[in-house]
Amino acid sequence: MGINTLLLTIEKTRLEMVQLAHLYGYSNPNVVKCSQKLDSLLNVYYNSEKN
């Protein structure tokens, strides 16, 4: 995955998480799952920046 694609995926996931949180609340399992996906994507980004 290229860096631009990764950044677009991060932003898309962030927006999805915000929308889900507004609909269902922060503790909803779908919001938590989306947050975990976002964390994972951010870890990939930060690790790629180190190299």
Protein backbone atom coordinates (compact mmCIF):
# COMPACT_ATOMS: atom_id res chain seq x y z
CA MET A 1 0.00 0.00 0.00
CA GLY A 2 1.46 3.36 -1.03
CA ILE A 3 1.68 6.22 1.46
CA ASN A 4 -1.03 8.25 -0.32
CA THR A 5 -3.40 5.29 -0.30
CA LEU A 6 -2.62 4.70 3.36
CA LEU A 7 -3.36 8.33 4.24
CA LEU A 8 -6.65 8.24 2.33
CA THR A 9 -7.63 5.02 4.11
CA ILE A 10 -6.77 6.56 7.48
CA GLU A 11 -8.93 9.60 6.77
CA LYS A 12 -11.83 7.49 5.47
CA THR A 13 -11.67 5.27 8.56
CA ARG A 14 -11.51 8.29 10.87
CA LEU A 15 -14.60 9.81 9.28
CA GLU A 16 -16.42 6.48 9.48
CA MET A 17 -15.57 6.19 13.18
CA VAL A 18 -16.85 9.70 13.90
CA GLN A 19 -20.10 9.01 12.07
CA LEU A 20 -20.61 5.71 13.87
CA ALA A 21 -19.89 7.35 17.23
CA HIS A 22 -22.51 10.03 16.57
CA LEU A 23 -25.07 7.38 15.65
CA TYR A 24 -24.38 4.74 18.29
CA GLY A 25 -22.19 6.23 21.02
CA TYR A 26 -18.53 5.68 21.72
CA SER A 27 -18.88 2.32 23.47
CA ASN A 28 -20.76 0.61 20.62
CA PRO A 29 -18.87 -2.48 19.37
CA ASN A 30 -18.89 -1.15 15.78
CA VAL A 31 -17.26 2.09 16.91
CA VAL A 32 -14.67 0.21 18.96
CA LYS A 33 -13.87 -2.05 16.01
CA CYS A 34 -13.47 0.94 13.71
CA SER A 35 -11.26 2.66 16.29
CA GLN A 36 -9.05 -0.43 16.46
CA LYS A 37 -8.79 -0.46 12.67
CA LEU A 38 -7.78 3.20 12.74
CA ASP A 39 -5.16 2.50 15.42
CA SER A 40 -3.72 -0.27 13.28
CA LEU A 41 -3.57 1.96 10.20
CA LEU A 42 -1.90 4.74 12.20
CA ASN A 43 0.68 2.28 13.51
CA VAL A 44 1.49 1.25 9.93
CA TYR A 45 1.87 4.91 8.99
CA TYR A 46 4.09 5.83 11.93
CA ASN A 47 6.26 2.75 11.46
CA SER A 48 6.69 3.55 7.77
CA GLU A 49 7.79 7.09 8.65
CA LYS A 50 10.59 5.74 10.89
CA ASN A 51 12.17 3.80 8.02
